[in-house]
Amino acid sequence: MDGPQKLKKEIKMKTGNVTIYFDGRFDQTTNRAGIGVAVYDEKCTM
């Protein structure tokens, strides 16, 4: 992808208890880094 992508659709939701987890790592042998994100919502209605 070239550059950031624009938001194509807006969704209105009622959320409950939201938990966000972040994880990342760096590989010293290849000098590559990565990050992951997980979003959990106990109750999500549209």
Foldseek 3Di string as FASTA:
>chain_A
DPDDDDDDDDDDKDFADKDKDKDKDADPVVRDIDIDMDIDTPDIDD
